Amino acid sequence: MTPFAVSTADTLSLADEELLAGLVEELSETRGAPAIETLERQAAAHPSLAPYLRELFATMSMADAVAEESTILEWRGSDPQPAAANAVAPLPPGGFIPGVTPLPAEFDDYELLEEIGRGGMGVVYRARQTSLDRTVAVKMLLRRDLASAADLVRFRSEAEAAARLDHPGIVSIFEVGEYGGHPFYSMRFIEGTTLAKRLAAGQVSAREAAETLAQVAEAVDAAHHRGVLHRDLKPSNILIDASGTPHVSDFGLAKRIAEDQNVTHTGAILGTPCYMSPEQAAGSRGDVGPTSDVWSLGAILYQALTGRPPFQGSSPMDTLLAVLESDPPVPRSIAPGVDRDLELITLKSLQKPQDLRYASAAYLAADLRAFLAGEPVAARRGGLGDLVSRIFRETHHATVLENWGLLWMWHSVVILALCVVTDVLAWQHGVSRWPYLVLWGGGLAIWAPIFWALRHRTGPVTAVERQIAHIWGGSVLASVLLFWVEALLEQPVLTLSPVLALLAGLVFFAKAGILSGVFYIQAAVLYATALVMCLVPAYQHVIFGLVSGACFFIPGLKYYRQRGQR
């Protein structure tokens, strides 16, 4: 892992920064399961730094995943190692060394003929299995001496995951073993190219793209039915044979669906950013499921139709942020000739809420088959329900609200108390502005720092939380200034009180865009409350206190319970 530097000057003391730097350095020296154990030990020992550690771990994990992107097989690479014209080369004194030993070379029951793929961690050979006299592909770790225990587990898991699958659209595994200290597995050799190279050679037709992705989706669905998620689908992992038939390969990030989905919620990011689902990009490993592979299939289809992935950034981190925050450009804005039905199929697969995507790869394949047959596609039947769900979805930032749940519940009580006292003073025919200024200015001046101090006790404050806090703080200041505006306008005291509801509605409207679309409901209710306050001036503050309090209390209770369940 590679350590990353982050700016923490505004939230951490110098001593904490130095301590965090040391912890990150220790964390960066481990990989895989040992890194997770180190992270959990550090977080338990330093709870105030735990959020920073988890965030940094997610970033480092993402960097590792990106760095290893090149390990995925580039079949029939542009620079394969040429086969020697003579007989099998003798082994060097140190024995067989993957990627170093001259070819051809003997390796157990195999004669390794030529190198056909290489990356940072793996190498693949075209080989002849001597006992059966057949051509196969043999994959092994490139640097066994540098491989961690996690690398070895991942390598074997890749083979075991694929070996459980029996489908013509999935590369078959023949043997999993170890020879001379080198773990390896052999698989069916696919003479041909990759979808990545096919797309790089020129844009494919709409029908070819639909037919290819339909077959791939059917193969992926078969894997899902056997309990295996791929989690790293991309064009370079789809092999195209001489007849044009696609085959899914490289299950290096595969995971059993039946595995505990709640373990090791560390924020580790696995996959390739351009084709990674939002739940993978967010590090929410517990949310990764069959629809995550559906997203990746949609991203591949998008590239096949437009010539580019749906999300591209100047850096892997920018790409991840785009996956999390942005919607992809409409395919026809890039390639005007894209068929409308294929565009709808693609966009349905790339919906950020998982429940708006195809429920399975089989449904995606069925819609592609319907397109090929000239039949109506299900993607056209999204309708109002999909639109509403998209508007009211949570963003990946919504998890920060778990730190605010209890505080929002207390805030609702404070607001209601201020409002009730205000109306009690009004009922007593108080006309002086000073009691209200003291009540609101003093009350909020006392509560705000208490509120902020209590928030800091739950852990470091994120950048998003500071944005929300600034919006809220601005609304609080504006609420107090309303009394001075009334005075300058020579208006009776409490004349502008309905503006309180408008300010609160504005705060929730901003929260809706940043955190969760559900807050649009609170914003609308508060805007309506301002009108009701104008119609019922005698009880306007009680009305505002009850409505505003409920708008804070209800989501506060939800996120407080959600935090308690983790």
Protein backbone atom coordinates (compact mmCIF):
# COMPACT_ATOMS: atom_id res chain seq x y z
CA MET A 1 0.00 0.00 0.00
CA THR A 2 1.02 3.56 -0.58
CA PRO A 3 0.42 6.12 2.18
CA PHE A 4 -1.55 9.22 1.25
CA ALA A 5 -1.19 12.66 2.77
CA VAL A 6 -4.40 14.47 3.73
CA SER A 7 -5.08 17.90 5.12
CA THR A 8 -6.23 17.70 8.70
CA ALA A 9 -4.97 21.02 10.03
CA ASP A 10 -8.47 22.32 10.63
CA THR A 11 -9.60 19.35 12.71
CA LEU A 12 -6.57 17.78 14.37
CA SER A 13 -3.91 19.06 16.71
CA LEU A 14 -0.24 18.82 15.73
CA ALA A 15 0.24 15.93 18.12
CA ASP A 16 -2.73 14.07 16.62
CA GLU A 17 -1.41 14.71 13.12
CA GLU A 18 1.96 13.23 14.04
CA LEU A 19 0.30 10.24 15.68
CA LEU A 20 -1.95 9.73 12.64
CA ALA A 21 1.06 9.88 10.32
CA GLY A 22 2.78 7.14 12.30
CA LEU A 23 -0.32 4.95 12.29
CA VAL A 24 -0.78 5.40 8.54
CA GLU A 25 2.85 4.50 7.96
CA GLU A 26 2.36 1.29 9.94
CA LEU A 27 -0.85 0.57 8.04
CA SER A 28 0.82 1.13 4.67
CA GLU A 29 3.36 -1.61 5.35
CA THR A 30 0.75 -4.38 5.33
CA ARG A 31 -1.72 -5.69 2.79
CA GLY A 32 -4.86 -7.81 2.70
CA ALA A 33 -6.13 -9.42 5.89
CA PRO A 34 -3.16 -8.28 8.04
CA ALA A 35 -3.91 -4.69 7.01
CA ILE A 36 -7.53 -5.05 8.10
CA GLU A 37 -6.40 -6.47 11.45
CA THR A 38 -3.95 -3.58 11.86
CA LEU A 39 -6.68 -1.07 11.04
CA GLU A 40 -9.10 -2.50 13.58
CA ARG A 41 -6.41 -2.59 16.26
CA GLN A 42 -5.46 1.04 15.57
CA ALA A 43 -9.09 2.18 15.51
CA ALA A 44 -9.78 0.50 18.85
CA ALA A 45 -6.67 2.04 20.42
CA HIS A 46 -7.32 5.54 19.01
CA PRO A 47 -11.11 6.00 18.63
CA SER A 48 -10.83 9.75 17.95
CA LEU A 49 -8.67 9.00 14.90
CA ALA A 50 -10.69 6.00 13.73
CA PRO A 51 -12.68 7.90 11.05
CA TYR A 52 -9.46 9.30 9.57
CA LEU A 53 -7.82 5.89 9.60
CA ARG A 54 -10.78 4.25 7.86
CA GLU A 55 -10.95 6.99 5.25
CA LEU A 56 -7.24 6.72 4.54
CA PHE A 57 -7.45 2.94 4.41
CA ALA A 58 -10.20 3.20 1.80
CA THR A 59 -8.05 5.57 -0.26
CA MET A 60 -5.01 3.33 -0.03
CA SER A 61 -7.07 0.28 -0.94
CA MET A 62 -8.41 2.11 -3.97
CA ALA A 63 -4.87 2.96 -5.03
CA ASP A 64 -3.86 -0.69 -4.70
CA ALA A 65 -6.83 -1.77 -6.79
CA VAL A 66 -5.95 0.75 -9.48
CA ALA A 67 -2.29 -0.23 -9.43
CA GLU A 68 -3.29 -3.85 -9.91
CA GLU A 69 -5.65 -3.02 -12.77
CA SER A 70 -2.91 -4.06 -15.15
CA THR A 71 -2.81 -7.53 -13.67
CA ILE A 72 -5.98 -8.49 -15.52
CA LEU A 73 -5.05 -10.61 -18.47
CA GLU A 74 -4.35 -8.92 -21.79
CA TRP A 75 -4.84 -12.00 -23.92
CA ARG A 76 -2.72 -12.22 -26.98
CA GLY A 77 -0.79 -9.15 -25.82
CA SER A 78 0.92 -6.88 -28.27
CA ASP A 79 4.37 -7.98 -27.11
CA PRO A 80 4.23 -11.68 -26.30
CA GLN A 81 7.47 -13.35 -25.50
CA PRO A 82 8.49 -15.21 -28.65
CA ALA A 83 8.95 -18.93 -28.43
CA ALA A 84 12.43 -20.25 -28.89
CA ALA A 85 13.07 -22.41 -31.91
CA ASN A 86 14.99 -25.02 -29.98
CA ALA A 87 13.89 -27.60 -27.44
CA VAL A 88 12.66 -27.00 -23.88
CA ALA A 89 15.14 -24.78 -22.04
CA PRO A 90 16.78 -26.14 -18.90
CA LEU A 91 15.82 -24.54 -15.63
CA PRO A 92 18.16 -21.97 -14.10
CA PRO A 93 19.90 -22.84 -10.83
CA GLY A 94 17.11 -21.28 -8.80
CA GLY A 95 14.42 -23.33 -10.58
CA PHE A 96 11.55 -22.04 -12.69
CA ILE A 97 10.92 -18.30 -12.32
CA PRO A 98 7.63 -17.02 -13.83
CA GLY A 99 8.22 -14.30 -16.38
CA VAL A 100 11.99 -14.83 -16.33
CA THR A 101 12.75 -18.40 -17.37
CA PRO A 102 13.30 -18.66 -21.16
CA LEU A 103 10.57 -20.35 -23.15
CA PRO A 104 9.64 -22.98 -24.03
CA ALA A 105 10.05 -24.53 -20.58
CA GLU A 106 8.71 -27.51 -18.67
CA PHE A 107 6.44 -26.86 -15.72
CA ASP A 108 4.93 -29.93 -14.08
CA ASP A 109 2.62 -31.55 -16.66
CA TYR A 110 2.83 -28.53 -18.93
CA GLU A 111 5.14 -27.27 -21.65
CA LEU A 112 4.98 -23.49 -21.47
CA LEU A 113 5.16 -22.21 -25.05
CA GLU A 114 4.69 -18.44 -24.98
CA GLU A 115 3.66 -15.66 -22.66
CA ILE A 116 0.25 -14.27 -23.60
CA GLY A 117 -0.50 -11.97 -20.70
CA ARG A 118 1.28 -10.19 -17.90
CA GLY A 119 0.53 -7.64 -15.22
CA GLY A 120 1.90 -6.41 -11.93
CA MET A 121 1.08 -9.62 -10.07
CA GLY A 122 0.24 -12.32 -12.62
CA VAL A 123 1.51 -13.95 -15.81
CA VAL A 124 -0.31 -16.22 -18.25
CA TYR A 125 1.20 -18.69 -20.67
CA ARG A 126 -0.08 -20.59 -23.63
CA ALA A 127 0.92 -24.13 -22.84
CA ARG A 128 0.58 -27.73 -23.93
CA GLN A 129 -0.64 -30.19 -21.33
CA THR A 130 1.57 -33.11 -22.18
CA SER A 131 -0.49 -35.87 -20.57
CA LEU A 132 -3.61 -34.95 -22.57
CA ASP A 133 -1.89 -33.31 -25.54
CA ARG A 134 -4.09 -30.25 -25.48
CA THR A 135 -3.49 -26.52 -25.58
CA VAL A 136 -4.35 -24.67 -22.37
CA ALA A 137 -3.65 -21.40 -20.63
CA VAL A 138 -1.66 -21.50 -17.40
CA LYS A 139 -1.77 -18.65 -14.91
CA MET A 140 0.60 -18.16 -11.97
CA LEU A 141 1.85 -15.38 -9.71
CA LEU A 142 4.56 -13.33 -11.32
CA ARG A 143 6.57 -12.77 -8.11
CA ARG A 144 5.80 -15.53 -5.66
CA ASP A 145 8.53 -14.29 -3.34
CA LEU A 146 6.81 -10.91 -2.97
CA ALA A 147 3.28 -12.23 -2.66
CA SER A 148 1.51 -11.77 0.66
CA ALA A 149 -0.74 -14.35 2.27
CA ALA A 150 -3.71 -12.33 1.01
CA ASP A 151 -2.35 -12.47 -2.56
CA LEU A 152 -2.10 -16.25 -2.34
CA VAL A 153 -5.61 -16.54 -0.95
CA ARG A 154 -6.95 -14.27 -3.67
CA PHE A 155 -5.15 -16.25 -6.37
CA ARG A 156 -6.56 -19.56 -5.18
CA SER A 157 -10.01 -18.04 -4.65
CA GLU A 158 -9.98 -16.87 -8.27
CA ALA A 159 -9.37 -20.40 -9.47
CA GLU A 160 -11.83 -22.00 -7.07
CA ALA A 161 -14.56 -19.49 -7.94
CA ALA A 162 -14.21 -20.14 -11.66
CA ALA A 163 -13.87 -23.91 -11.12
CA ARG A 164 -17.35 -23.97 -9.54
CA LEU A 165 -18.85 -22.59 -12.72
CA ASP A 166 -19.87 -24.70 -15.69
CA HIS A 167 -21.12 -22.48 -18.48
CA PRO A 168 -20.04 -22.11 -22.11
CA GLY A 169 -19.68 -18.36 -21.58
CA ILE A 170 -17.21 -18.73 -18.68
CA VAL A 171 -13.59 -19.80 -19.15
CA SER A 172 -13.31 -23.33 -17.74
CA ILE A 173 -10.73 -24.25 -15.11
CA PHE A 174 -8.99 -27.59 -15.62
CA GLU A 175 -6.55 -27.89 -12.74
CA VAL A 176 -5.54 -25.98 -9.61
CA GLY A 177 -2.21 -26.87 -8.05
CA GLU A 178 1.29 -25.94 -6.99
CA TYR A 179 4.61 -26.91 -8.49
CA GLY A 180 8.10 -25.94 -7.34
CA GLY A 181 6.61 -23.51 -4.83
CA HIS A 182 4.55 -21.74 -7.51
CA PRO A 183 0.75 -21.91 -7.23
CA PHE A 184 -0.93 -22.14 -10.62
CA TYR A 185 -4.09 -23.08 -12.40
CA SER A 186 -4.77 -24.14 -15.96
CA MET A 187 -7.81 -23.19 -17.99
CA ARG A 188 -9.33 -23.43 -21.42
CA PHE A 189 -7.28 -21.53 -23.96
CA ILE A 190 -9.34 -18.99 -25.91
CA GLU A 191 -7.81 -18.28 -29.29
CA GLY A 192 -8.89 -14.77 -30.16
CA THR A 193 -8.87 -11.33 -28.60
CA THR A 194 -10.51 -9.35 -25.79
CA LEU A 195 -13.52 -7.09 -25.93
CA ALA A 196 -11.19 -4.26 -24.88
CA LYS A 197 -9.10 -4.74 -28.03
CA ARG A 198 -12.22 -5.18 -30.13
CA LEU A 199 -13.58 -1.85 -28.91
CA ALA A 200 -10.20 -0.16 -29.36
CA ALA A 201 -10.15 -1.28 -33.00
CA GLY A 202 -13.31 0.65 -33.77
CA GLN A 203 -16.87 1.20 -32.58
CA VAL A 204 -19.00 -1.94 -32.85
CA SER A 205 -22.49 -1.99 -34.25
CA ALA A 206 -25.49 -1.72 -31.97
CA ARG A 207 -26.56 -5.28 -32.70
CA GLU A 208 -23.07 -6.66 -32.08
CA ALA A 209 -22.87 -4.78 -28.78
CA ALA A 210 -26.31 -6.03 -27.71
CA GLU A 211 -25.60 -9.63 -28.74
CA THR A 212 -22.22 -9.68 -27.00
CA LEU A 213 -23.49 -8.16 -23.76
CA ALA A 214 -26.56 -10.41 -23.77
CA GLN A 215 -24.31 -13.47 -23.85
CA VAL A 216 -22.02 -12.03 -21.19
CA ALA A 217 -25.01 -11.16 -18.97
CA GLU A 218 -26.31 -14.72 -19.29
CA ALA A 219 -22.92 -16.10 -18.27
CA VAL A 220 -22.74 -13.70 -15.31
CA ASP A 221 -26.26 -14.69 -14.26
CA ALA A 222 -25.20 -18.33 -14.32
CA ALA A 223 -22.32 -17.43 -11.99
CA HIS A 224 -24.75 -15.62 -9.70
CA HIS A 225 -26.99 -18.67 -9.56
CA ARG A 226 -23.95 -20.66 -8.42
CA GLY A 227 -23.41 -18.07 -5.69
CA VAL A 228 -20.45 -16.25 -7.28
CA LEU A 229 -20.14 -12.49 -7.84
CA HIS A 230 -17.49 -11.34 -10.29
CA ARG A 231 -16.98 -7.76 -8.97
CA ASP A 232 -14.47 -6.76 -11.68
CA LEU A 233 -16.28 -7.03 -15.00
CA LYS A 234 -14.68 -4.94 -17.74
CA PRO A 235 -13.84 -5.28 -21.43
CA SER A 236 -10.38 -6.77 -20.82
CA ASN A 237 -11.96 -9.59 -18.80
CA ILE A 238 -14.20 -10.63 -21.68
CA LEU A 239 -12.41 -12.90 -24.16
CA ILE A 240 -13.74 -13.12 -27.73
CA ASP A 241 -13.00 -16.37 -29.57
CA ALA A 242 -12.56 -16.81 -33.33
CA SER A 243 -16.31 -17.26 -33.84
CA GLY A 244 -17.10 -14.02 -32.01
CA THR A 245 -18.44 -15.71 -28.88
CA PRO A 246 -17.60 -13.93 -25.60
CA HIS A 247 -16.22 -15.70 -22.53
CA VAL A 248 -16.00 -14.20 -19.04
CA SER A 249 -12.62 -14.59 -17.36
CA ASP A 250 -10.60 -13.43 -14.37
CA PHE A 251 -12.54 -14.02 -11.20
CA GLY A 252 -9.75 -12.54 -9.08
CA LEU A 253 -12.19 -10.39 -7.09
CA ALA A 254 -14.97 -12.98 -7.08
CA LYS A 255 -16.96 -13.42 -3.91
CA ARG A 256 -19.56 -15.92 -2.81
CA ILE A 257 -22.99 -14.35 -2.46
CA ALA A 258 -23.64 -16.55 0.56
CA GLU A 259 -20.71 -15.03 2.45
CA ASP A 260 -21.47 -12.81 5.43
CA GLN A 261 -22.17 -9.42 3.85
CA ASN A 262 -21.50 -7.53 7.05
CA VAL A 263 -17.97 -8.59 7.88
CA THR A 264 -14.91 -6.34 7.63
CA HIS A 265 -16.74 -3.14 6.81
CA THR A 266 -13.49 -1.29 6.46
CA GLY A 267 -14.22 0.80 3.41
CA ALA A 268 -11.78 -1.15 1.24
CA ILE A 269 -12.35 -0.46 -2.45
CA LEU A 270 -11.93 -3.34 -4.90
CA GLY A 271 -12.39 -3.21 -8.64
CA THR A 272 -11.64 -1.00 -11.63
CA PRO A 273 -12.91 2.60 -11.22
CA CYS A 274 -14.34 3.09 -14.74
CA TYR A 275 -16.60 0.04 -14.40
CA MET A 276 -17.12 0.01 -10.64
CA SER A 277 -20.59 0.33 -9.10
CA PRO A 278 -21.26 3.19 -6.64
CA GLU A 279 -21.52 0.77 -3.73
CA GLN A 280 -18.06 -0.59 -4.57
CA ALA A 281 -16.65 2.92 -5.06
CA ALA A 282 -18.00 3.92 -1.65
CA GLY A 283 -16.31 0.95 -0.04
CA SER A 284 -19.68 -0.34 1.19
CA ARG A 285 -18.73 -3.95 0.75
CA GLY A 286 -21.81 -5.15 2.55
CA ASP A 287 -24.01 -3.65 -0.17
CA VAL A 288 -22.26 -5.35 -3.08
CA GLY A 289 -24.50 -7.91 -4.75
CA PRO A 290 -25.68 -9.18 -8.17
CA THR A 291 -26.84 -5.70 -9.17
CA SER A 292 -23.24 -4.50 -8.76
CA ASP A 293 -22.25 -6.77 -11.63
CA VAL A 294 -25.29 -5.47 -13.55
CA TRP A 295 -23.85 -1.95 -13.18
CA SER A 296 -20.50 -3.08 -14.59
CA LEU A 297 -22.26 -4.72 -17.54
CA GLY A 298 -24.09 -1.45 -18.15
CA ALA A 299 -20.78 0.42 -18.09
CA ILE A 300 -19.34 -1.98 -20.67
CA LEU A 301 -22.43 -1.59 -22.87
CA TYR A 302 -22.10 2.19 -22.53
CA GLN A 303 -18.53 2.03 -23.82
CA ALA A 304 -19.49 -0.27 -26.66
CA LEU A 305 -22.14 2.24 -27.78
CA THR A 306 -20.23 5.49 -27.27
CA GLY A 307 -16.57 4.57 -27.49
CA ARG A 308 -15.79 5.64 -23.91
CA PRO A 309 -16.63 4.52 -20.35
CA PRO A 310 -19.51 6.31 -18.60
CA PHE A 311 -17.17 7.92 -16.09
CA GLN A 312 -13.71 9.28 -16.79
CA GLY A 313 -11.64 11.51 -14.51
CA SER A 314 -8.18 12.98 -14.59
CA SER A 315 -7.22 10.53 -11.83
CA PRO A 316 -8.64 7.31 -10.37
CA MET A 317 -9.94 9.28 -7.39
CA ASP A 318 -11.72 11.75 -9.69
CA THR A 319 -13.27 8.81 -11.51
CA LEU A 320 -14.50 7.32 -8.24
CA LEU A 321 -16.00 10.65 -7.20
CA ALA A 322 -17.78 10.86 -10.54
CA VAL A 323 -19.18 7.35 -10.05
CA LEU A 324 -20.45 8.40 -6.62
CA GLU A 325 -21.68 11.91 -7.36
CA SER A 326 -22.57 12.27 -11.05
CA ASP A 327 -24.89 10.76 -13.60
CA PRO A 328 -23.24 9.62 -16.83
CA PRO A 329 -23.75 11.70 -19.97
CA VAL A 330 -26.69 10.46 -22.01
CA PRO A 331 -25.19 8.10 -24.62
CA ARG A 332 -26.81 9.95 -27.52
CA SER A 333 -25.13 13.17 -26.39
CA ILE A 334 -21.83 11.45 -27.24
CA ALA A 335 -22.94 9.23 -30.13
CA PRO A 336 -26.15 10.64 -31.66
CA GLY A 337 -26.80 7.45 -33.60
CA VAL A 338 -27.30 5.28 -30.52
CA ASP A 339 -30.64 3.48 -30.56
CA ARG A 340 -33.10 4.89 -28.00
CA ASP A 341 -33.96 1.47 -26.59
CA LEU A 342 -30.31 0.55 -26.12
CA GLU A 343 -29.76 3.91 -24.45
CA LEU A 344 -32.59 3.23 -22.00
CA ILE A 345 -31.24 -0.27 -21.28
CA THR A 346 -27.80 1.20 -20.59
CA LEU A 347 -29.08 3.96 -18.33
CA LYS A 348 -31.29 1.57 -16.38
CA SER A 349 -28.25 -0.61 -15.69
CA LEU A 350 -26.33 2.47 -14.48
CA GLN A 351 -28.88 3.71 -11.96
CA LYS A 352 -27.19 4.58 -8.67
CA PRO A 353 -30.03 3.21 -6.47
CA GLN A 354 -29.67 -0.55 -6.72
CA ASP A 355 -33.42 -1.10 -6.73
CA LEU A 356 -33.72 0.92 -9.96
CA ARG A 357 -31.31 -1.29 -11.89
CA TYR A 358 -32.23 -4.60 -13.44
CA ALA A 359 -32.90 -6.98 -10.58
CA SER A 360 -30.52 -9.52 -12.10
CA ALA A 361 -28.20 -10.02 -15.03
CA ALA A 362 -30.88 -12.32 -16.48
CA TYR A 363 -33.32 -9.40 -16.74
CA LEU A 364 -30.66 -7.32 -18.47
CA ALA A 365 -30.00 -10.16 -20.92
CA ALA A 366 -33.75 -10.54 -21.55
CA ASP A 367 -34.10 -6.84 -22.38
CA LEU A 368 -31.14 -7.04 -24.78
CA ARG A 369 -32.73 -10.08 -26.42
CA ALA A 370 -35.99 -8.15 -26.72
CA PHE A 371 -34.14 -5.33 -28.46
CA LEU A 372 -32.53 -7.78 -30.87
CA ALA A 373 -35.93 -9.31 -31.63
CA GLY A 374 -37.53 -5.91 -32.22
CA GLU A 375 -39.80 -6.31 -29.20
CA PRO A 376 -40.64 -3.67 -26.52
CA VAL A 377 -37.96 -3.39 -23.85
CA ALA A 378 -38.72 -3.28 -20.14
CA ALA A 379 -36.42 -0.26 -19.69
CA ARG A 380 -39.09 1.90 -21.36
CA ARG A 381 -41.50 1.11 -18.54
CA GLY A 382 -39.56 2.92 -15.83
CA GLY A 383 -42.18 5.58 -15.44
CA LEU A 384 -42.91 7.86 -12.53
CA GLY A 385 -41.82 5.39 -9.86
CA ASP A 386 -38.22 5.32 -11.10
CA LEU A 387 -38.16 9.12 -11.33
CA VAL A 388 -39.46 9.54 -7.78
CA SER A 389 -37.03 6.97 -6.39
CA ARG A 390 -34.13 8.69 -8.15
CA ILE A 391 -35.09 12.08 -6.71
CA PHE A 392 -35.42 10.82 -3.16
CA ARG A 393 -32.34 8.58 -3.05
CA GLU A 394 -29.62 8.96 -0.45
CA THR A 395 -26.16 10.04 -1.54
CA HIS A 396 -23.06 8.28 -0.24
CA HIS A 397 -22.63 11.27 2.12
CA ALA A 398 -25.78 10.33 4.04
CA THR A 399 -23.83 8.04 6.37
CA VAL A 400 -22.44 11.13 8.16
CA LEU A 401 -25.94 11.70 9.53
CA GLU A 402 -25.38 8.79 11.88
CA ASN A 403 -23.16 11.18 13.85
CA TRP A 404 -25.97 13.73 14.04
CA GLY A 405 -28.96 11.55 14.92
CA LEU A 406 -29.06 12.15 18.68
CA LEU A 407 -28.02 15.79 18.28
CA TRP A 408 -30.89 16.45 15.88
CA MET A 409 -33.30 14.94 18.38
CA TRP A 410 -32.02 17.33 21.06
CA HIS A 411 -32.10 20.22 18.58
CA SER A 412 -35.79 19.57 17.93
CA VAL A 413 -36.46 19.93 21.68
CA VAL A 414 -34.49 23.21 21.86
CA ILE A 415 -36.34 24.71 18.87
CA LEU A 416 -39.73 23.70 20.23
CA ALA A 417 -38.91 25.20 23.64
CA LEU A 418 -37.79 28.52 22.09
CA CYS A 419 -40.95 28.70 19.99
CA VAL A 420 -43.33 27.92 22.87
CA VAL A 421 -41.71 30.56 25.11
CA THR A 422 -41.89 33.07 22.24
CA ASP A 423 -45.64 32.62 21.81
CA VAL A 424 -46.17 32.75 25.58
CA LEU A 425 -44.44 36.14 25.63
CA ALA A 426 -46.57 37.28 22.68
CA TRP A 427 -49.76 36.20 24.40
CA GLN A 428 -48.77 38.43 27.30
CA HIS A 429 -48.76 41.32 24.86
CA GLY A 430 -45.05 41.87 25.02
CA VAL A 431 -44.12 44.51 22.46
CA SER A 432 -40.48 45.07 23.31
CA ARG A 433 -37.99 43.38 21.07
CA TRP A 434 -35.41 42.86 23.79
CA PRO A 435 -36.97 39.79 25.46
CA TYR A 436 -37.12 38.04 22.10
CA LEU A 437 -33.58 39.09 21.20
CA VAL A 438 -32.31 37.75 24.52
CA LEU A 439 -34.34 34.55 24.11
CA TRP A 440 -33.30 33.75 20.56
CA GLY A 441 -29.88 35.37 20.42
CA GLY A 442 -28.83 34.15 23.86
CA GLY A 443 -30.50 30.76 23.58
CA LEU A 444 -29.00 29.92 20.21
CA ALA A 445 -25.63 31.41 21.20
CA ILE A 446 -25.53 28.98 24.13
CA TRP A 447 -26.90 25.97 22.24
CA ALA A 448 -24.76 26.24 19.09
CA PRO A 449 -21.35 25.70 20.76
CA ILE A 450 -22.83 22.97 22.97
CA PHE A 451 -24.23 21.28 19.87
CA TRP A 452 -20.89 21.54 18.04
CA ALA A 453 -18.90 20.32 21.06
CA LEU A 454 -21.16 17.28 21.40
CA ARG A 455 -20.68 16.52 17.72
CA HIS A 456 -16.88 16.62 18.11
CA ARG A 457 -17.15 14.03 20.88
CA THR A 458 -18.42 11.45 18.37
CA GLY A 459 -15.30 11.79 16.21
CA PRO A 460 -13.62 14.08 13.65
CA VAL A 461 -15.92 16.21 11.51
CA THR A 462 -15.89 15.55 7.77
CA ALA A 463 -15.82 18.21 5.06
CA VAL A 464 -19.45 17.53 4.16
CA GLU A 465 -20.50 17.98 7.77
CA ARG A 466 -18.71 21.33 7.90
CA GLN A 467 -20.62 22.42 4.80
CA ILE A 468 -23.93 21.47 6.39
CA ALA A 469 -22.91 23.15 9.65
CA HIS A 470 -22.13 26.39 7.81
CA ILE A 471 -25.56 26.34 6.14
CA TRP A 472 -27.24 25.71 9.48
CA GLY A 473 -25.14 28.35 11.23
CA GLY A 474 -26.04 30.88 8.56
CA SER A 475 -29.74 30.18 9.05
CA VAL A 476 -29.39 30.59 12.83
CA LEU A 477 -27.66 33.95 12.42
CA ALA A 478 -30.31 35.09 9.94
CA SER A 479 -33.06 34.07 12.39
CA VAL A 480 -31.67 36.35 15.09
CA LEU A 481 -31.11 39.22 12.64
CA LEU A 482 -34.79 39.15 11.70
CA PHE A 483 -35.53 41.17 14.88
CA TRP A 484 -33.14 43.91 13.77
CA VAL A 485 -34.59 43.89 10.25
CA GLU A 486 -38.03 44.36 11.74
CA ALA A 487 -36.75 47.29 13.78
CA LEU A 488 -35.10 48.95 10.80
CA LEU A 489 -38.28 48.52 8.77
CA GLU A 490 -40.29 49.84 11.72
CA GLN A 491 -42.41 46.73 11.74
CA PRO A 492 -44.09 45.30 14.85
CA VAL A 493 -42.12 42.63 16.62
CA LEU A 494 -42.59 39.07 15.25
CA THR A 495 -43.94 40.37 11.92
CA LEU A 496 -41.25 38.51 9.99
CA SER A 497 -41.48 35.28 12.00
CA PRO A 498 -42.81 33.24 9.02
CA VAL A 499 -39.38 33.78 7.48
CA LEU A 500 -38.08 31.33 10.12
CA ALA A 501 -39.87 28.52 8.30
CA LEU A 502 -38.49 29.68 4.96
CA LEU A 503 -34.95 29.66 6.36
CA ALA A 504 -35.42 26.19 7.82
CA GLY A 505 -36.86 24.98 4.51
CA LEU A 506 -33.82 26.35 2.70
CA VAL A 507 -31.52 24.42 5.05
CA PHE A 508 -33.35 21.16 4.35
CA PHE A 509 -33.41 21.89 0.62
CA ALA A 510 -29.61 22.11 0.69
CA LYS A 511 -29.42 18.90 2.74
CA ALA A 512 -31.56 17.17 0.13
CA GLY A 513 -29.02 17.87 -2.59
CA ILE A 514 -26.02 16.90 -0.48
CA LEU A 515 -27.28 14.10 1.75
CA SER A 516 -30.67 12.61 0.90
CA GLY A 517 -33.52 13.52 -1.42
CA VAL A 518 -35.96 12.67 1.37
CA PHE A 519 -35.20 16.10 2.83
CA TYR A 520 -37.08 17.65 -0.09
CA ILE A 521 -40.20 16.59 1.81
CA GLN A 522 -39.13 18.48 4.94
CA ALA A 523 -38.26 21.49 2.81
CA ALA A 524 -41.70 21.50 1.17
CA VAL A 525 -43.46 21.08 4.51
CA LEU A 526 -41.52 23.98 6.03
CA TYR A 527 -42.24 26.23 3.04
CA ALA A 528 -45.95 25.46 3.48
CA THR A 529 -45.60 26.10 7.20
CA ALA A 530 -44.50 29.68 6.47
CA LEU A 531 -47.86 30.29 4.77
CA VAL A 532 -49.77 28.73 7.66
CA MET A 533 -47.88 30.94 10.11
CA CYS A 534 -49.07 34.00 8.20
CA LEU A 535 -52.68 32.81 8.51
CA VAL A 536 -52.48 31.90 12.22
CA PRO A 537 -50.21 34.58 13.75
CA ALA A 538 -51.35 33.88 17.34
CA TYR A 539 -49.86 30.39 17.26
CA GLN A 540 -47.28 30.83 14.54
CA HIS A 541 -44.25 29.97 16.65
CA VAL A 542 -45.84 26.92 18.24
CA ILE A 543 -46.75 25.73 14.74
CA PHE A 544 -43.20 26.36 13.53
CA GLY A 545 -41.71 24.67 16.59
CA LEU A 546 -43.82 21.52 16.16
CA VAL A 547 -43.16 21.24 12.41
CA SER A 548 -39.49 22.16 12.54
CA GLY A 549 -38.94 19.92 15.55
CA ALA A 550 -40.55 16.99 13.74
CA CYS A 551 -38.41 17.64 10.64
CA PHE A 552 -35.29 17.26 12.78
CA PHE A 553 -36.54 14.59 15.20
CA ILE A 554 -37.83 12.02 12.71
CA PRO A 555 -34.62 11.68 10.62
CA GLY A 556 -32.57 12.10 13.79
CA LEU A 557 -34.27 9.06 15.32
CA LYS A 558 -33.76 7.10 12.10
CA TYR A 559 -30.02 7.76 11.92
CA TYR A 560 -29.56 7.32 15.66
CA ARG A 561 -31.04 3.82 15.40
CA GLN A 562 -28.99 3.15 12.27
CA ARG A 563 -25.79 4.04 14.12
CA GLY A 564 -26.76 1.74 16.96
CA GLN A 565 -27.16 -1.17 14.55
CA ARG A 566 -23.58 -0.95 13.28
